[in-house]
Amino acid sequence: MVPRILAVLLVVLLGLAFQAILQPPPQKSCGSPGGPPVISPRIKLRDGRYLAYREDGVQKDQAKYKIITVHAFDATKDFPLPVSKELVDELGIYLVAFDRAGYGESDPNPKRNVKSEALDIEELADQLELGQKFYVLGVSMGGYSIWGCLQYIPNRLAGAALVVPIINYWWLSFPTEISRQAFKRLILPEQRTLWIAHNIPSLLYLWMTQKWLPSSAAAMHHPEIFSKHDMEVLQQMMAMPVIENKSRQQGIYESIHRDLLVGFGSWEFDPMNITNPFPQNEGSVHIWQGYEDRLVLVELQRYISKKLPWIHYHEVPEGGHMFMLADGWTDKILRALLVGE
């Protein structure tokens, strides 16, 4: 009897230990006891969460164009778009960036998904009184928020731009062979991470925090994910004033881990089934992709653009994942979005 009780007790203890390993630590929310301070302006959302934002460009009440920008993976609103002051003044551009849920100074959202990101954007626009229609621009992982806007709030959009937007290899419209071959071109640590995020999401925290094997190459900024042009951009950035990256200050699970779970999990819709939100050409949607991008592969982006011919597809021949940060590309992207040049 005693050995049986000890065996059961051992199983229970092992189960509790395993659960503790799998369970991420509590998030240290900004403004909470022991949490980071609140520095930026924030709005309170309907569900009680706070969303931090940052305004740039011309004064809102003087702006001709109002754009909500969505930051990339492991970034925050404090990394502004490198748009020239000349273009901002010429076109009258107002920009507002925000920390996505769990990032920077925005409260986490354990229920975060593609739809909630779009609704956060809509509520931000309403509380800042941006008007019935506004523009959206998302970079890399921020691209899934823009797909969400096109799916859930198309009536609020004046135009949209997706710059090197992430691709979910499990979108149903992809032919199996095309997505499989593209997936195999990713470096091995990234393949493992995305596979776990999609197939065994409960193990992602354990996988991302273990030390035996390399996990996400993007999270670790592995040099293999950068193209030659990306490395040149990084060299240029090193000469610029350093901006403190507060993306993980509240914890890694509700920021970068949650991003992976949402971006590469099971979506409620397939972007390749989205209908044109501007049938009368009253606005436009653009995808910008670097040919040499090693994180988001050009073959799949081309396939998406063929499935959605109403999207304006732009391919940068020598561009990597970071091409928009150099050579005036941000100005070109905004001109195309706002005035069609």
C-alpha atoms as a PDB file:
ATOM      1  CA  MET A   1       0.000   0.000   0.000  1.00  0.00           C
ATOM      2  CA  VAL A   2       2.754   2.418   0.963  1.00  0.00           C
ATOM      3  CA  PRO A   3       4.750   1.875  -2.268  1.00  0.00           C
ATOM      4  CA  ARG A   4       1.569   2.507  -4.288  1.00  0.00           C
ATOM      5  CA  ILE A   5       0.898   5.761  -2.415  1.00  0.00           C
ATOM      6  CA  LEU A   6       4.510   6.823  -2.937  1.00  0.00           C
ATOM      7  CA  ALA A   7       4.243   6.033  -6.642  1.00  0.00           C
ATOM      8  CA  VAL A   8       1.061   8.103  -6.975  1.00  0.00           C
ATOM      9  CA  LEU A   9       2.662  10.927  -5.008  1.00  0.00           C
ATOM     10  CA  LEU A  10       5.702  10.814  -7.289  1.00  0.00           C
ATOM     11  CA  VAL A  11       3.495  11.016 -10.382  1.00  0.00           C
ATOM     12  CA  VAL A  12       1.609  13.986  -8.906  1.00  0.00           C
ATOM     13  CA  LEU A  13       4.838  15.772  -8.009  1.00  0.00           C
ATOM     14  CA  LEU A  14       6.268  15.143 -11.469  1.00  0.00           C
ATOM     15  CA  GLY A  15       3.056  16.446 -13.002  1.00  0.00           C
ATOM     16  CA  LEU A  16       3.184  19.608 -10.907  1.00  0.00           C
ATOM     17  CA  ALA A  17       6.851  20.109 -11.747  1.00  0.00           C
ATOM     18  CA  PHE A  18       6.149  19.649 -15.462  1.00  0.00           C
ATOM     19  CA  GLN A  19       3.223  22.074 -15.275  1.00  0.00           C
ATOM     20  CA  ALA A  20       5.441  24.630 -13.525  1.00  0.00           C
ATOM     21  CA  ILE A  21       7.989  24.316 -16.325  1.00  0.00           C
ATOM     22  CA  LEU A  22       5.332  24.784 -18.997  1.00  0.00           C
ATOM     23  CA  GLN A  23       3.594  27.660 -17.214  1.00  0.00           C
ATOM     24  CA  PRO A  24       5.100  31.063 -18.020  1.00  0.00           C
ATOM     25  CA  PRO A  25       5.678  33.447 -15.106  1.00  0.00           C
ATOM     26  CA  PRO A  26       3.122  36.218 -14.473  1.00  0.00           C
ATOM     27  CA  GLN A  27       3.427  39.312 -16.638  1.00  0.00           C
ATOM     28  CA  LYS A  28       4.786  42.441 -14.924  1.00  0.00           C
ATOM     29  CA  SER A  29       2.289  44.963 -16.240  1.00  0.00           C
ATOM     30  CA  CYS A  30       3.294  48.604 -16.525  1.00  0.00           C
ATOM     31  CA  GLY A  31       2.121  50.653 -13.559  1.00  0.00           C
ATOM     32  CA  SER A  32       1.587  47.589 -11.352  1.00  0.00           C
ATOM     33  CA  PRO A  33       3.612  46.998  -8.155  1.00  0.00           C
ATOM     34  CA  GLY A  34       7.073  45.916  -9.255  1.00  0.00           C
ATOM     35  CA  GLY A  35       6.249  46.519 -12.905  1.00  0.00           C
ATOM     36  CA  PRO A  36       7.801  49.028 -15.327  1.00  0.00           C
ATOM     37  CA  PRO A  37       6.622  52.645 -15.105  1.00  0.00           C
ATOM     38  CA  VAL A  38       4.048  54.190 -17.426  1.00  0.00           C
ATOM     39  CA  ILE A  39       5.666  56.967 -19.447  1.00  0.00           C
ATOM     40  CA  SER A  40       3.649  57.195 -22.652  1.00  0.00           C
ATOM     41  CA  PRO A  41       0.051  58.327 -23.153  1.00  0.00           C
ATOM     42  CA  ARG A  42      -2.417  55.426 -23.075  1.00  0.00           C
ATOM     43  CA  ILE A  43      -6.054  54.822 -23.840  1.00  0.00           C
ATOM     44  CA  LYS A  44      -8.318  52.505 -21.875  1.00  0.00           C
ATOM     45  CA  LEU A  45      -9.962  49.880 -24.057  1.00  0.00           C
ATOM     46  CA  ARG A  46     -13.456  48.453 -23.616  1.00  0.00           C
ATOM     47  CA  ASP A  47     -12.131  45.328 -21.936  1.00  0.00           C
ATOM     48  CA  GLY A  48     -10.187  47.378 -19.371  1.00  0.00           C
ATOM     49  CA  ARG A  49      -6.741  47.001 -20.918  1.00  0.00           C
ATOM     50  CA  TYR A  50      -4.510  50.002 -21.529  1.00  0.00           C
ATOM     51  CA  LEU A  51      -2.926  50.643 -24.921  1.00  0.00           C
ATOM     52  CA  ALA A  52       0.110  52.935 -25.172  1.00  0.00           C
ATOM     53  CA  TYR A  53       0.634  55.101 -28.234  1.00  0.00           C
ATOM     54  CA  ARG A  54       2.964  57.685 -29.756  1.00  0.00           C
ATOM     55  CA  GLU A  55       2.104  60.499 -32.171  1.00  0.00           C
ATOM     56  CA  ASP A  56       4.419  61.871 -34.871  1.00  0.00           C
ATOM     57  CA  GLY A  57       4.168  64.032 -37.967  1.00  0.00           C
ATOM     58  CA  VAL A  58       1.974  67.096 -38.370  1.00  0.00           C
ATOM     59  CA  GLN A  59      -0.713  68.074 -35.892  1.00  0.00           C
ATOM     60  CA  LYS A  60      -3.708  65.774 -36.067  1.00  0.00           C
ATOM     61  CA  ASP A  61      -6.215  68.539 -36.750  1.00  0.00           C
ATOM     62  CA  GLN A  62      -4.068  69.818 -39.626  1.00  0.00           C
ATOM     63  CA  ALA A  63      -3.367  66.446 -41.224  1.00  0.00           C
ATOM     64  CA  LYS A  64      -4.539  65.421 -44.674  1.00  0.00           C
ATOM     65  CA  TYR A  65      -3.532  61.802 -44.126  1.00  0.00           C
ATOM     66  CA  LYS A  66      -3.769  59.875 -40.840  1.00  0.00           C
ATOM     67  CA  ILE A  67      -1.851  56.618 -40.557  1.00  0.00           C
ATOM     68  CA  ILE A  68      -1.792  54.008 -37.791  1.00  0.00           C
ATOM     69  CA  THR A  69       1.473  52.068 -37.922  1.00  0.00           C
ATOM     70  CA  VAL A  70       1.937  48.576 -36.484  1.00  0.00           C
ATOM     71  CA  HIS A  71       5.360  47.555 -35.223  1.00  0.00           C
ATOM     72  CA  ALA A  72       7.262  44.374 -35.965  1.00  0.00           C
ATOM     73  CA  PHE A  73       8.239  41.374 -33.840  1.00  0.00           C
ATOM     74  CA  ASP A  74      10.270  42.235 -30.719  1.00  0.00           C
ATOM     75  CA  ALA A  75       9.816  45.983 -31.292  1.00  0.00           C
ATOM     76  CA  THR A  76       7.670  48.821 -29.946  1.00  0.00           C
ATOM     77  CA  LYS A  77       6.051  52.084 -30.968  1.00  0.00           C
ATOM     78  CA  ASP A  78       9.259  53.882 -29.985  1.00  0.00           C
ATOM     79  CA  PHE A  79      10.967  52.773 -33.193  1.00  0.00           C
ATOM     80  CA  PRO A  80       9.379  55.344 -35.528  1.00  0.00           C
ATOM     81  CA  LEU A  81       9.197  54.932 -39.285  1.00  0.00           C
ATOM     82  CA  PRO A  82      12.203  56.589 -40.952  1.00  0.00           C
ATOM     83  CA  VAL A  83      10.056  58.901 -43.040  1.00  0.00           C
ATOM     84  CA  SER A  84      11.513  62.244 -44.089  1.00  0.00           C
ATOM     85  CA  LYS A  85      10.224  65.463 -42.560  1.00  0.00           C
ATOM     86  CA  GLU A  86       9.995  66.849 -46.090  1.00  0.00           C
ATOM     87  CA  LEU A  87       7.445  64.212 -47.102  1.00  0.00           C
ATOM     88  CA  VAL A  88       5.504  64.556 -43.854  1.00  0.00           C
ATOM     89  CA  ASP A  89       5.192  68.308 -44.341  1.00  0.00           C
ATOM     90  CA  GLU A  90       4.538  68.093 -48.085  1.00  0.00           C
ATOM     91  CA  LEU A  91       1.644  65.655 -47.784  1.00  0.00           C
ATOM     92  CA  GLY A  92       0.440  66.607 -44.309  1.00  0.00           C
ATOM     93  CA  ILE A  93       0.947  63.223 -42.657  1.00  0.00           C
ATOM     94  CA  TYR A  94      -0.036  62.417 -39.071  1.00  0.00           C
ATOM     95  CA  LEU A  95       1.315  59.127 -37.734  1.00  0.00           C
ATOM     96  CA  VAL A  96       0.325  57.236 -34.622  1.00  0.00           C
ATOM     97  CA  ALA A  97       2.139  54.106 -33.497  1.00  0.00           C
ATOM     98  CA  PHE A  98       1.073  51.917 -30.601  1.00  0.00           C
ATOM     99  CA  ASP A  99       2.489  49.108 -28.512  1.00  0.00           C
ATOM    100  CA  ARG A 100       0.656  45.937 -29.406  1.00  0.00           C
ATOM    101  CA  ALA A 101      -0.798  44.008 -26.461  1.00  0.00           C
ATOM    102  CA  GLY A 102       1.923  42.768 -24.106  1.00  0.00           C
ATOM    103  CA  TYR A 103       4.618  44.879 -25.751  1.00  0.00           C
ATOM    104  CA  GLY A 104       6.222  48.025 -24.356  1.00  0.00           C
ATOM    105  CA  GLU A 105       3.697  49.824 -22.160  1.00  0.00           C
ATOM    106  CA  SER A 106       0.491  48.155 -23.373  1.00  0.00           C
ATOM    107  CA  ASP A 107      -1.284  45.671 -21.134  1.00  0.00           C
ATOM    108  CA  PRO A 108      -1.100  42.013 -22.159  1.00  0.00           C
ATOM    109  CA  ASN A 109      -4.054  40.272 -23.728  1.00  0.00           C
ATOM    110  CA  PRO A 110      -4.034  36.504 -23.045  1.00  0.00           C
ATOM    111  CA  LYS A 111      -6.870  36.236 -25.588  1.00  0.00           C
ATOM    112  CA  ARG A 112      -4.912  38.063 -28.273  1.00  0.00           C
ATOM    113  CA  ASN A 113      -5.602  36.950 -31.827  1.00  0.00           C
ATOM    114  CA  VAL A 114      -5.727  38.451 -35.295  1.00  0.00           C
ATOM    115  CA  LYS A 115      -9.217  39.850 -34.738  1.00  0.00           C
ATOM    116  CA  SER A 116      -8.409  41.448 -31.367  1.00  0.00           C
ATOM    117  CA  GLU A 117      -5.447  43.245 -32.953  1.00  0.00           C
ATOM    118  CA  ALA A 118      -7.723  44.742 -35.606  1.00  0.00           C
ATOM    119  CA  LEU A 119     -10.290  45.787 -33.014  1.00  0.00           C
ATOM    120  CA  ASP A 120      -7.558  47.413 -30.890  1.00  0.00           C
ATOM    121  CA  ILE A 121      -6.612  49.475 -33.940  1.00  0.00           C
ATOM    122  CA  GLU A 122     -10.222  50.480 -34.537  1.00  0.00           C
ATOM    123  CA  GLU A 123     -10.698  51.515 -30.921  1.00  0.00           C
ATOM    124  CA  LEU A 124      -7.447  53.486 -30.941  1.00  0.00           C
ATOM    125  CA  ALA A 125      -8.664  55.355 -34.021  1.00  0.00           C
ATOM    126  CA  ASP A 126     -12.007  56.099 -32.389  1.00  0.00           C
ATOM    127  CA  GLN A 127     -10.595  57.314 -29.087  1.00  0.00           C
ATOM    128  CA  LEU A 128      -8.060  59.528 -30.868  1.00  0.00           C
ATOM    129  CA  GLU A 129     -10.860  60.788 -33.144  1.00  0.00           C
ATOM    130  CA  LEU A 130      -9.104  59.983 -36.405  1.00  0.00           C
ATOM    131  CA  GLY A 131     -12.362  59.968 -38.328  1.00  0.00           C
ATOM    132  CA  GLN A 132     -14.388  57.315 -40.107  1.00  0.00           C
ATOM    133  CA  LYS A 133     -11.498  56.252 -42.337  1.00  0.00           C
ATOM    134  CA  PHE A 134      -7.756  56.045 -41.771  1.00  0.00           C
ATOM    135  CA  TYR A 135      -4.695  54.352 -43.251  1.00  0.00           C
ATOM    136  CA  VAL A 136      -2.853  51.404 -41.724  1.00  0.00           C
ATOM    137  CA  LEU A 137       0.700  50.198 -42.262  1.00  0.00           C
ATOM    138  CA  GLY A 138       2.180  47.071 -40.703  1.00  0.00           C
ATOM    139  CA  VAL A 139       5.749  45.808 -40.807  1.00  0.00           C
ATOM    140  CA  SER A 140       6.789  42.144 -40.641  1.00  0.00           C
ATOM    141  CA  MET A 141       4.892  40.533 -37.727  1.00  0.00           C
ATOM    142  CA  GLY A 142       2.744  43.657 -37.635  1.00  0.00           C
ATOM    143  CA  GLY A 143       1.453  42.527 -41.007  1.00  0.00           C
ATOM    144  CA  TYR A 144      -0.984  40.068 -39.459  1.00  0.00           C
ATOM    145  CA  SER A 145      -2.711  43.008 -37.763  1.00  0.00           C
ATOM    146  CA  ILE A 146      -3.245  44.543 -41.202  1.00  0.00           C
ATOM    147  CA  TRP A 147      -4.686  41.309 -42.580  1.00  0.00           C
ATOM    148  CA  GLY A 148      -7.000  41.451 -39.579  1.00  0.00           C
ATOM    149  CA  CYS A 149      -8.053  44.994 -40.486  1.00  0.00           C
ATOM    150  CA  LEU A 150      -8.773  43.942 -44.069  1.00  0.00           C
ATOM    151  CA  GLN A 151     -10.891  41.058 -42.810  1.00  0.00           C
ATOM    152  CA  TYR A 152     -12.716  42.601 -39.844  1.00  0.00           C
ATOM    153  CA  ILE A 153     -12.814  46.398 -40.307  1.00  0.00           C
ATOM    154  CA  PRO A 154     -12.458  47.030 -44.075  1.00  0.00           C
ATOM    155  CA  ASN A 155     -15.096  49.783 -43.927  1.00  0.00           C
ATOM    156  CA  ARG A 156     -12.780  51.843 -41.693  1.00  0.00           C
ATOM    157  CA  LEU A 157      -9.810  51.795 -44.045  1.00  0.00           C
ATOM    158  CA  ALA A 158      -8.700  54.482 -46.478  1.00  0.00           C
ATOM    159  CA  GLY A 159      -5.761  52.315 -47.556  1.00  0.00           C
ATOM    160  CA  ALA A 160      -3.360  49.688 -46.253  1.00  0.00           C
ATOM    161  CA  ALA A 161       0.287  48.737 -46.662  1.00  0.00           C
ATOM    162  CA  LEU A 162       1.923  45.485 -45.600  1.00  0.00           C
ATOM    163  CA  VAL A 163       5.722  45.635 -45.598  1.00  0.00           C
ATOM    164  CA  VAL A 164       7.460  42.224 -45.588  1.00  0.00           C
ATOM    165  CA  PRO A 165       4.370  40.821 -43.810  1.00  0.00           C
ATOM    166  CA  ILE A 166       4.794  37.455 -42.108  1.00  0.00           C
ATOM    167  CA  ILE A 167       3.322  34.437 -43.843  1.00  0.00           C
ATOM    168  CA  ASN A 168       1.565  31.595 -42.068  1.00  0.00           C
ATOM    169  CA  TYR A 169       2.675  28.390 -43.789  1.00  0.00           C
ATOM    170  CA  TRP A 170      -0.583  26.703 -42.762  1.00  0.00           C
ATOM    171  CA  TRP A 171      -2.970  29.021 -44.618  1.00  0.00           C
ATOM    172  CA  LEU A 172      -5.268  26.626 -46.452  1.00  0.00           C
ATOM    173  CA  SER A 173      -5.052  28.337 -49.845  1.00  0.00           C
ATOM    174  CA  PHE A 174      -1.373  27.476 -50.201  1.00  0.00           C
ATOM    175  CA  PRO A 175      -0.740  24.326 -52.239  1.00  0.00           C
ATOM    176  CA  THR A 176       0.898  21.871 -49.855  1.00  0.00           C
ATOM    177  CA  GLU A 177       4.023  21.434 -51.947  1.00  0.00           C
ATOM    178  CA  ILE A 178       4.648  25.187 -52.291  1.00  0.00           C
ATOM    179  CA  SER A 179       4.323  25.901 -48.559  1.00  0.00           C
ATOM    180  CA  ARG A 180       6.355  22.792 -47.660  1.00  0.00           C
ATOM    181  CA  GLN A 181       9.248  23.736 -49.930  1.00  0.00           C
ATOM    182  CA  ALA A 182       9.252  27.321 -48.652  1.00  0.00           C
ATOM    183  CA  PHE A 183       9.161  26.119 -45.044  1.00  0.00           C
ATOM    184  CA  LYS A 184      12.205  23.912 -45.662  1.00  0.00           C
ATOM    185  CA  ARG A 185      14.161  26.949 -46.835  1.00  0.00           C
ATOM    186  CA  LEU A 186      13.956  28.501 -43.365  1.00  0.00           C
ATOM    187  CA  ILE A 187      16.915  27.821 -41.114  1.00  0.00           C
ATOM    188  CA  LEU A 188      16.327  24.808 -38.860  1.00  0.00           C
ATOM    189  CA  PRO A 189      15.774  26.637 -35.522  1.00  0.00           C
ATOM    190  CA  GLU A 190      13.058  28.751 -37.138  1.00  0.00           C
ATOM    191  CA  GLN A 191      11.396  25.680 -38.632  1.00  0.00           C
ATOM    192  CA  ARG A 192      11.254  24.017 -35.216  1.00  0.00           C
ATOM    193  CA  THR A 193       9.886  27.117 -33.504  1.00  0.00           C
ATOM    194  CA  LEU A 194       7.129  27.776 -36.022  1.00  0.00           C
ATOM    195  CA  TRP A 195       6.141  24.097 -36.076  1.00  0.00           C
ATOM    196  CA  ILE A 196       5.798  24.054 -32.277  1.00  0.00           C
ATOM    197  CA  ALA A 197       3.890  27.362 -32.250  1.00  0.00           C
ATOM    198  CA  HIS A 198       1.391  25.922 -34.715  1.00  0.00           C
ATOM    199  CA  ASN A 199       1.129  22.299 -33.619  1.00  0.00           C
ATOM    200  CA  ILE A 200       1.944  22.214 -29.887  1.00  0.00           C
ATOM    201  CA  PRO A 201       1.416  25.793 -28.622  1.00  0.00           C
ATOM    202  CA  SER A 202       1.437  24.682 -24.973  1.00  0.00           C
ATOM    203  CA  LEU A 203       5.106  23.736 -25.365  1.00  0.00           C
ATOM    204  CA  LEU A 204       6.253  27.034 -26.882  1.00  0.00           C
ATOM    205  CA  TYR A 205       7.302  28.663 -23.602  1.00  0.00           C
ATOM    206  CA  LEU A 206       9.374  25.614 -22.655  1.00  0.00           C
ATOM    207  CA  TRP A 207      10.928  25.476 -26.116  1.00  0.00           C
ATOM    208  CA  MET A 208      11.778  29.175 -26.186  1.00  0.00           C
ATOM    209  CA  THR A 209      13.398  29.121 -22.735  1.00  0.00           C
ATOM    210  CA  GLN A 210      15.336  25.822 -22.916  1.00  0.00           C
ATOM    211  CA  LYS A 211      19.101  26.055 -23.436  1.00  0.00           C
ATOM    212  CA  TRP A 212      19.940  22.780 -25.176  1.00  0.00           C
ATOM    213  CA  LEU A 213      18.941  23.666 -28.735  1.00  0.00           C
ATOM    214  CA  PRO A 214      18.676  27.024 -30.521  1.00  0.00           C
ATOM    215  CA  SER A 215      15.072  28.210 -30.648  1.00  0.00           C
ATOM    216  CA  SER A 216      13.663  31.111 -32.668  1.00  0.00           C
ATOM    217  CA  ALA A 217      16.328  32.619 -34.885  1.00  0.00           C
ATOM    218  CA  ALA A 218      14.306  35.841 -35.085  1.00  0.00           C
ATOM    219  CA  ALA A 219      14.088  36.163 -31.292  1.00  0.00           C
ATOM    220  CA  MET A 220      17.813  35.480 -30.950  1.00  0.00           C
ATOM    221  CA  HIS A 221      18.720  37.793 -33.872  1.00  0.00           C
ATOM    222  CA  HIS A 222      20.690  34.954 -35.455  1.00  0.00           C
ATOM    223  CA  PRO A 223      23.017  36.311 -38.186  1.00  0.00           C
ATOM    224  CA  GLU A 224      21.806  33.714 -40.703  1.00  0.00           C
ATOM    225  CA  ILE A 225      18.422  35.426 -40.956  1.00  0.00           C
ATOM    226  CA  PHE A 226      19.964  38.629 -42.306  1.00  0.00           C
ATOM    227  CA  SER A 227      20.689  39.152 -45.997  1.00  0.00           C
ATOM    228  CA  LYS A 228      23.683  41.108 -47.258  1.00  0.00           C
ATOM    229  CA  HIS A 229      21.520  44.225 -47.548  1.00  0.00           C
ATOM    230  CA  ASP A 230      20.138  43.665 -44.036  1.00  0.00           C
ATOM    231  CA  MET A 231      23.680  43.611 -42.653  1.00  0.00           C
ATOM    232  CA  GLU A 232      24.410  46.906 -44.401  1.00  0.00           C
ATOM    233  CA  VAL A 233      21.258  48.409 -42.879  1.00  0.00           C
ATOM    234  CA  LEU A 234      22.299  47.174 -39.426  1.00  0.00           C
ATOM    235  CA  GLN A 235      25.704  48.819 -39.860  1.00  0.00           C
ATOM    236  CA  GLN A 236      23.999  52.119 -40.685  1.00  0.00           C
ATOM    237  CA  MET A 237      21.713  51.787 -37.666  1.00  0.00           C
ATOM    238  CA  MET A 238      24.692  51.274 -35.349  1.00  0.00           C
ATOM    239  CA  ALA A 239      25.821  54.804 -36.176  1.00  0.00           C
ATOM    240  CA  MET A 240      22.462  56.262 -35.110  1.00  0.00           C
ATOM    241  CA  PRO A 241      21.372  57.248 -31.584  1.00  0.00           C
ATOM    242  CA  VAL A 242      20.446  54.161 -29.567  1.00  0.00           C
ATOM    243  CA  ILE A 243      16.751  53.698 -28.739  1.00  0.00           C
ATOM    244  CA  GLU A 244      16.103  51.528 -25.717  1.00  0.00           C
ATOM    245  CA  ASN A 245      14.095  48.473 -26.714  1.00  0.00           C
ATOM    246  CA  LYS A 246      11.331  47.984 -24.152  1.00  0.00           C
ATOM    247  CA  SER A 247       9.525  45.290 -26.116  1.00  0.00           C
ATOM    248  CA  ARG A 248      10.112  42.589 -23.479  1.00  0.00           C
ATOM    249  CA  GLN A 249      10.000  44.701 -20.328  1.00  0.00           C
ATOM    250  CA  GLN A 250       6.716  43.179 -19.129  1.00  0.00           C
ATOM    251  CA  GLY A 251       7.796  39.617 -19.891  1.00  0.00           C
ATOM    252  CA  ILE A 252       8.580  37.518 -22.931  1.00  0.00           C
ATOM    253  CA  TYR A 253       5.499  35.308 -23.029  1.00  0.00           C
ATOM    254  CA  GLU A 254       2.770  37.884 -23.678  1.00  0.00           C
ATOM    255  CA  SER A 255       5.006  39.799 -26.080  1.00  0.00           C
ATOM    256  CA  ILE A 256       7.207  37.783 -28.433  1.00  0.00           C
ATOM    257  CA  HIS A 257       5.851  34.320 -27.580  1.00  0.00           C
ATOM    258  CA  ARG A 258       2.249  35.417 -28.001  1.00  0.00           C
ATOM    259  CA  ASP A 259       3.201  36.965 -31.343  1.00  0.00           C
ATOM    260  CA  LEU A 260       4.471  33.605 -32.579  1.00  0.00           C
ATOM    261  CA  LEU A 261       1.365  31.823 -31.310  1.00  0.00           C
ATOM    262  CA  VAL A 262      -0.953  34.273 -33.059  1.00  0.00           C
ATOM    263  CA  GLY A 263       1.014  34.740 -36.261  1.00  0.00           C
ATOM    264  CA  PHE A 264       1.638  31.048 -36.880  1.00  0.00           C
ATOM    265  CA  GLY A 265      -1.324  29.493 -35.108  1.00  0.00           C
ATOM    266  CA  SER A 266      -4.667  28.556 -36.642  1.00  0.00           C
ATOM    267  CA  TRP A 267      -6.442  31.593 -38.088  1.00  0.00           C
ATOM    268  CA  GLU A 268     -10.187  32.076 -38.295  1.00  0.00           C
ATOM    269  CA  PHE A 269      -9.851  33.121 -41.939  1.00  0.00           C
ATOM    270  CA  ASP A 270      -7.552  32.726 -44.905  1.00  0.00           C
ATOM    271  CA  PRO A 271      -6.165  36.067 -46.164  1.00  0.00           C
ATOM    272  CA  MET A 272      -6.330  34.766 -49.728  1.00  0.00           C
ATOM    273  CA  ASN A 273     -10.119  34.707 -49.428  1.00  0.00           C
ATOM    274  CA  ILE A 274     -10.402  38.392 -48.492  1.00  0.00           C
ATOM    275  CA  THR A 275     -12.437  40.482 -50.926  1.00  0.00           C
ATOM    276  CA  ASN A 276     -11.269  43.811 -52.310  1.00  0.00           C
ATOM    277  CA  PRO A 277     -12.203  46.529 -49.774  1.00  0.00           C
ATOM    278  CA  PHE A 278     -11.936  49.185 -52.500  1.00  0.00           C
ATOM    279  CA  PRO A 279     -13.998  47.958 -55.467  1.00  0.00           C
ATOM    280  CA  GLN A 280     -14.341  51.513 -56.816  1.00  0.00           C
ATOM    281  CA  ASN A 281     -10.599  52.214 -56.442  1.00  0.00           C
ATOM    282  CA  GLU A 282     -11.356  54.638 -53.625  1.00  0.00           C
ATOM    283  CA  GLY A 283      -8.309  53.288 -51.801  1.00  0.00           C
ATOM    284  CA  SER A 284      -5.518  50.776 -52.321  1.00  0.00           C
ATOM    285  CA  VAL A 285      -3.711  47.900 -50.628  1.00  0.00           C
ATOM    286  CA  HIS A 286       0.013  47.319 -51.110  1.00  0.00           C
ATOM    287  CA  ILE A 287       2.445  44.522 -50.289  1.00  0.00           C
ATOM    288  CA  TRP A 288       6.150  45.335 -50.301  1.00  0.00           C
ATOM    289  CA  GLN A 289       8.600  42.434 -50.330  1.00  0.00           C
ATOM    290  CA  GLY A 290      12.387  42.151 -50.485  1.00  0.00           C
ATOM    291  CA  TYR A 291      13.621  39.535 -52.946  1.00  0.00           C
ATOM    292  CA  GLU A 292      16.523  38.582 -50.660  1.00  0.00           C
ATOM    293  CA  ASP A 293      14.396  38.364 -47.493  1.00  0.00           C
ATOM    294  CA  ARG A 294      15.394  35.278 -45.480  1.00  0.00           C
ATOM    295  CA  LEU A 295      12.599  35.492 -42.913  1.00  0.00           C
ATOM    296  CA  VAL A 296       9.633  36.032 -45.228  1.00  0.00           C
ATOM    297  CA  LEU A 297      10.141  34.192 -48.492  1.00  0.00           C
ATOM    298  CA  VAL A 298       9.355  35.863 -51.772  1.00  0.00           C
ATOM    299  CA  GLU A 299       7.787  32.797 -53.450  1.00  0.00           C
ATOM    300  CA  LEU A 300       4.840  32.734 -51.076  1.00  0.00           C
ATOM    301  CA  GLN A 301       4.364  36.496 -51.239  1.00  0.00           C
ATOM    302  CA  ARG A 302       4.165  36.229 -55.028  1.00  0.00           C
ATOM    303  CA  TYR A 303       1.581  33.487 -54.714  1.00  0.00           C
ATOM    304  CA  ILE A 304      -0.565  35.647 -52.431  1.00  0.00           C
ATOM    305  CA  SER A 305      -0.377  38.586 -54.833  1.00  0.00           C
ATOM    306  CA  LYS A 306      -1.559  36.365 -57.705  1.00  0.00           C
ATOM    307  CA  LYS A 307      -4.476  35.096 -55.632  1.00  0.00           C
ATOM    308  CA  LEU A 308      -5.383  38.696 -54.738  1.00  0.00           C
ATOM    309  CA  PRO A 309      -4.801  40.651 -57.970  1.00  0.00           C
ATOM    310  CA  TRP A 310      -6.360  43.791 -56.488  1.00  0.00           C
ATOM    311  CA  ILE A 311      -3.322  44.128 -54.211  1.00  0.00           C
ATOM    312  CA  HIS A 312      -0.486  46.262 -55.568  1.00  0.00           C
ATOM    313  CA  TYR A 313       2.579  44.038 -55.227  1.00  0.00           C
ATOM    314  CA  HIS A 314       6.034  45.648 -55.090  1.00  0.00           C
ATOM    315  CA  GLU A 315       9.211  43.561 -55.083  1.00  0.00           C
ATOM    316  CA  VAL A 316      12.558  45.113 -54.168  1.00  0.00           C
ATOM    317  CA  PRO A 317      15.256  43.208 -56.129  1.00  0.00           C
ATOM    318  CA  GLU A 318      18.136  43.410 -53.636  1.00  0.00           C
ATOM    319  CA  GLY A 319      16.055  44.124 -50.554  1.00  0.00           C
ATOM    320  CA  GLY A 320      16.147  41.998 -47.436  1.00  0.00           C
ATOM    321  CA  HIS A 321      13.777  41.958 -44.492  1.00  0.00           C
ATOM    322  CA  MET A 322      14.885  45.425 -43.374  1.00  0.00           C
ATOM    323  CA  PHE A 323      14.977  47.223 -46.706  1.00  0.00           C
ATOM    324  CA  MET A 324      12.441  49.903 -45.709  1.00  0.00           C
ATOM    325  CA  LEU A 325      14.852  51.286 -43.110  1.00  0.00           C
ATOM    326  CA  ALA A 326      17.298  52.577 -45.728  1.00  0.00           C
ATOM    327  CA  ASP A 327      17.610  54.365 -49.060  1.00  0.00           C
ATOM    328  CA  GLY A 328      14.421  56.383 -48.713  1.00  0.00           C
ATOM    329  CA  TRP A 329      12.181  53.333 -49.089  1.00  0.00           C
ATOM    330  CA  THR A 330       9.772  54.452 -46.375  1.00  0.00           C
ATOM    331  CA  ASP A 331       9.046  57.637 -48.329  1.00  0.00           C
ATOM    332  CA  LYS A 332       8.405  55.570 -51.471  1.00  0.00           C
ATOM    333  CA  ILE A 333       6.075  53.238 -49.573  1.00  0.00           C
ATOM    334  CA  LEU A 334       4.065  56.121 -48.134  1.00  0.00           C
ATOM    335  CA  ARG A 335       3.842  57.960 -51.462  1.00  0.00           C
ATOM    336  CA  ALA A 336       2.489  54.829 -53.119  1.00  0.00           C
ATOM    337  CA  LEU A 337      -0.057  54.330 -50.352  1.00  0.00           C
ATOM    338  CA  LEU A 338      -1.253  57.914 -50.078  1.00  0.00           C
ATOM    339  CA  VAL A 339      -1.005  59.421 -53.566  1.00  0.00           C
ATOM    340  CA  GLY A 340      -0.326  56.445 -55.822  1.00  0.00           C
ATOM    341  CA  GLU A 341       3.169  57.479 -56.911  1.00  0.00           C
END
